[in-house]
Amino acid sequence: MDAPPVAELAFQTARSGRASLRFQHRGFGASQGQPDPSKVLADAIAAQLHLEACVEAQRVDVAGYLSGAHTALGVARESRRIQHLVLIAPPTLLDLTGVEDRRVLVVLAGSQGPSERDAWKKHLQGLDARVELIEGADQRFLRGLPILGEKVVAWLGGEDPSLLVLDPREQN
């Protein structure tokens, strides 16, 4: 929750009248406990189920920032309820096996550059996917932050989706 993109997505989601839940892995930031890589996915799925139990939304979507993108992908693989997957500044190209039937948005910071955008576009061919490069934004989105939130919320569209937003496991 220390990551500005995570807070911005939660703010923009709420501003658009939708529920969101920010999730930070155990042992990071203000989360209690000891970091446990073996429980990362299980904890994120528990957060998703908690969000589903607390809101009456037609769908719950998931977004992950930096290493949180790996976890978001894992949650989407495990839950058929996840229809939209948002990957924000993922550190590498991710294997999207198991989510080919979902809509995917990859948002890159301008500092990641056009070559990274082009690599993602090629990687996503054949999927219902889109790549956005926010010019002028650094990887922490200290610049371009409002644009990030606006693009993600607009892409999620209607149907009252709720959003689970996953923080990275390491601080950047």
Protein backbone atom coordinates (compact mmCIF):
# COMPACT_ATOMS: atom_id res chain seq x y z
CA MET A 1 0.00 0.00 0.00
CA ASP A 2 3.11 2.10 0.05
CA ALA A 3 3.26 1.97 -3.75
CA PRO A 4 1.59 5.03 -5.31
CA PRO A 5 0.02 3.04 -8.20
CA VAL A 6 -1.74 0.73 -5.73
CA ALA A 7 -3.24 3.65 -3.82
CA GLU A 8 -4.19 5.45 -7.04
CA LEU A 9 -6.02 2.45 -8.46
CA ALA A 10 -7.96 2.03 -5.23
CA PHE A 11 -8.82 5.75 -5.23
CA GLN A 12 -9.88 5.83 -8.88
CA THR A 13 -11.90 2.63 -8.48
CA ALA A 14 -13.74 4.07 -5.48
CA ARG A 15 -14.22 7.39 -7.25
CA SER A 16 -15.96 5.54 -10.09
CA GLY A 17 -18.37 3.99 -7.58
CA ARG A 18 -16.76 0.55 -7.40
CA ALA A 19 -15.28 -1.36 -4.52
CA SER A 20 -11.59 -2.14 -4.29
CA LEU A 21 -9.30 -3.91 -1.89
CA ARG A 22 -5.60 -3.15 -1.67
CA PHE A 23 -3.54 -6.13 -0.65
CA GLN A 24 0.01 -6.21 0.65
CA HIS A 25 1.81 -9.47 1.27
CA ARG A 26 2.46 -10.61 4.83
CA GLY A 27 5.60 -9.15 6.33
CA PHE A 28 5.72 -6.18 3.92
CA GLY A 29 4.76 -2.62 4.75
CA ALA A 30 2.20 -2.62 7.54
CA SER A 31 1.17 -6.24 7.01
CA GLN A 32 1.92 -8.44 9.97
CA GLY A 33 3.68 -11.77 9.95
CA GLN A 34 6.83 -13.02 8.33
CA PRO A 35 7.25 -13.04 4.55
CA ASP A 36 6.43 -16.50 3.26
CA PRO A 37 6.83 -17.01 -0.49
CA SER A 38 4.94 -20.30 -0.27
CA LYS A 39 1.79 -18.47 0.88
CA VAL A 40 1.81 -15.51 -1.52
CA LEU A 41 -0.84 -16.89 -3.87
CA ALA A 42 -3.01 -18.37 -1.11
CA ASP A 43 -3.04 -15.03 0.73
CA ALA A 44 -3.99 -13.14 -2.44
CA ILE A 45 -6.80 -15.60 -3.20
CA ALA A 46 -8.06 -15.16 0.38
CA ALA A 47 -8.13 -11.39 -0.23
CA GLN A 48 -10.08 -11.93 -3.45
CA LEU A 49 -12.63 -14.14 -1.66
CA HIS A 50 -12.94 -11.54 1.10
CA LEU A 51 -13.67 -8.82 -1.46
CA GLU A 52 -16.25 -11.04 -3.17
CA ALA A 53 -17.95 -11.71 0.18
CA CYS A 54 -18.10 -8.01 1.06
CA VAL A 55 -19.54 -6.59 -2.15
CA GLU A 56 -22.32 -7.44 -4.49
CA ALA A 57 -20.47 -7.01 -7.76
CA GLN A 58 -21.08 -8.80 -11.00
CA ARG A 59 -17.39 -9.49 -11.21
CA VAL A 60 -14.13 -9.01 -9.32
CA ASP A 61 -11.06 -8.17 -11.36
CA VAL A 62 -7.42 -8.16 -10.33
CA ALA A 63 -4.50 -5.79 -10.87
CA GLY A 64 -0.88 -6.24 -9.87
CA TYR A 65 1.97 -3.77 -9.78
CA LEU A 66 5.60 -4.82 -10.41
CA SER A 67 6.04 -8.27 -8.77
CA GLY A 68 2.37 -8.08 -7.77
CA ALA A 69 1.68 -8.71 -11.47
CA HIS A 70 2.95 -12.30 -11.01
CA THR A 71 0.55 -12.79 -8.11
CA ALA A 72 -2.36 -11.18 -9.99
CA LEU A 73 -1.75 -13.62 -12.83
CA GLY A 74 -1.82 -16.51 -10.35
CA VAL A 75 -5.12 -15.30 -8.88
CA ALA A 76 -6.63 -15.01 -12.37
CA ARG A 77 -5.53 -18.57 -13.16
CA GLU A 78 -7.22 -19.86 -10.00
CA SER A 79 -10.52 -17.98 -10.23
CA ARG A 80 -12.98 -18.16 -13.11
CA ARG A 81 -14.63 -15.04 -11.66
CA ILE A 82 -11.65 -12.94 -12.71
CA GLN A 83 -12.47 -11.70 -16.20
CA HIS A 84 -10.05 -8.77 -16.42
CA LEU A 85 -6.38 -8.85 -15.50
CA VAL A 86 -4.31 -5.66 -15.20
CA LEU A 87 -0.51 -5.91 -15.14
CA ILE A 88 1.19 -2.64 -14.17
CA ALA A 89 4.88 -2.27 -14.98
CA PRO A 90 5.51 -6.04 -14.87
CA PRO A 91 9.25 -6.66 -14.51
CA THR A 92 9.30 -9.28 -17.29
CA LEU A 93 7.10 -10.80 -19.97
CA LEU A 94 4.77 -13.19 -18.15
CA ASP A 95 3.52 -16.58 -19.26
CA LEU A 96 -0.21 -16.04 -19.74
CA THR A 97 -1.06 -19.73 -20.00
CA GLY A 98 -4.36 -20.34 -18.26
CA VAL A 99 -5.79 -16.85 -18.81
CA GLU A 100 -6.11 -16.85 -22.60
CA ASP A 101 -9.88 -16.36 -22.28
CA ARG A 102 -9.56 -13.22 -20.10
CA ARG A 103 -9.11 -9.60 -21.08
CA VAL A 104 -5.61 -8.38 -20.26
CA LEU A 105 -4.32 -4.82 -19.92
CA VAL A 106 -0.59 -4.21 -19.59
CA VAL A 107 0.32 -0.69 -18.49
CA LEU A 108 3.93 0.33 -18.91
CA ALA A 109 5.68 3.44 -17.68
CA GLY A 110 7.24 5.63 -20.35
CA SER A 111 10.61 4.85 -18.79
CA GLN A 112 10.11 1.23 -19.87
CA GLY A 113 10.09 2.48 -23.44
CA PRO A 114 8.64 1.65 -26.84
CA SER A 115 10.76 -1.49 -27.22
CA GLU A 116 9.17 -2.99 -24.09
CA ARG A 117 5.73 -1.98 -25.37
CA ASP A 118 6.43 -3.63 -28.72
CA ALA A 119 7.66 -6.81 -27.01
CA TRP A 120 4.44 -6.99 -24.98
CA LYS A 121 2.29 -6.37 -28.06
CA LYS A 122 3.97 -9.25 -29.84
CA HIS A 123 3.69 -11.44 -26.73
CA LEU A 124 -0.06 -10.74 -26.44
CA GLN A 125 -0.96 -11.46 -30.06
CA GLY A 126 -4.08 -13.58 -30.36
CA LEU A 127 -5.39 -12.57 -26.92
CA ASP A 128 -8.04 -10.03 -25.98
CA ALA A 129 -5.32 -7.74 -24.73
CA ARG A 130 -4.08 -4.19 -24.86
CA VAL A 131 -0.80 -2.47 -24.01
CA GLU A 132 -0.68 1.12 -22.78
CA LEU A 133 2.55 3.10 -22.50
CA ILE A 134 2.17 6.18 -20.32
CA GLU A 135 4.65 8.64 -21.74
CA GLY A 136 6.60 10.65 -19.17
CA ALA A 137 5.85 8.21 -16.35
CA ASP A 138 8.66 6.63 -14.36
CA GLN A 139 8.33 3.03 -13.17
CA ARG A 140 7.04 4.14 -9.76
CA PHE A 141 4.47 6.36 -11.54
CA LEU A 142 5.42 9.39 -9.50
CA ARG A 143 4.75 11.12 -12.82
CA GLY A 144 1.70 10.01 -14.77
CA LEU A 145 -0.11 8.57 -11.76
CA PRO A 146 -3.59 10.04 -12.45
CA ILE A 147 -3.37 8.89 -16.08
CA LEU A 148 -2.66 5.35 -14.88
CA GLY A 149 -5.79 5.29 -12.72
CA GLU A 150 -7.99 6.82 -15.40
CA LYS A 151 -6.83 4.36 -18.08
CA VAL A 152 -7.33 1.31 -15.89
CA VAL A 153 -10.79 2.31 -14.66
CA ALA A 154 -11.92 3.22 -18.20
CA TRP A 155 -10.62 -0.11 -19.52
CA LEU A 156 -12.43 -2.08 -16.79
CA GLY A 157 -15.67 -0.61 -18.06
CA GLY A 158 -19.15 -1.07 -16.65
CA GLU A 159 -20.92 -3.97 -15.01
CA ASP A 160 -19.86 -2.72 -11.56
CA PRO A 161 -16.57 -4.58 -11.32
CA SER A 162 -14.70 -4.60 -8.05
CA LEU A 163 -10.92 -4.57 -8.12
CA LEU A 164 -8.34 -6.43 -6.06
CA VAL A 165 -5.08 -4.46 -6.26
CA LEU A 166 -1.87 -6.29 -5.38
CA ASP A 167 1.21 -4.51 -4.09
CA PRO A 168 4.71 -5.71 -5.02
CA ARG A 169 6.49 -8.07 -2.64
CA GLU A 170 9.54 -5.86 -2.60
CA GLN A 171 9.76 -2.13 -2.14
CA ASN A 172 10.99 -0.24 -5.19
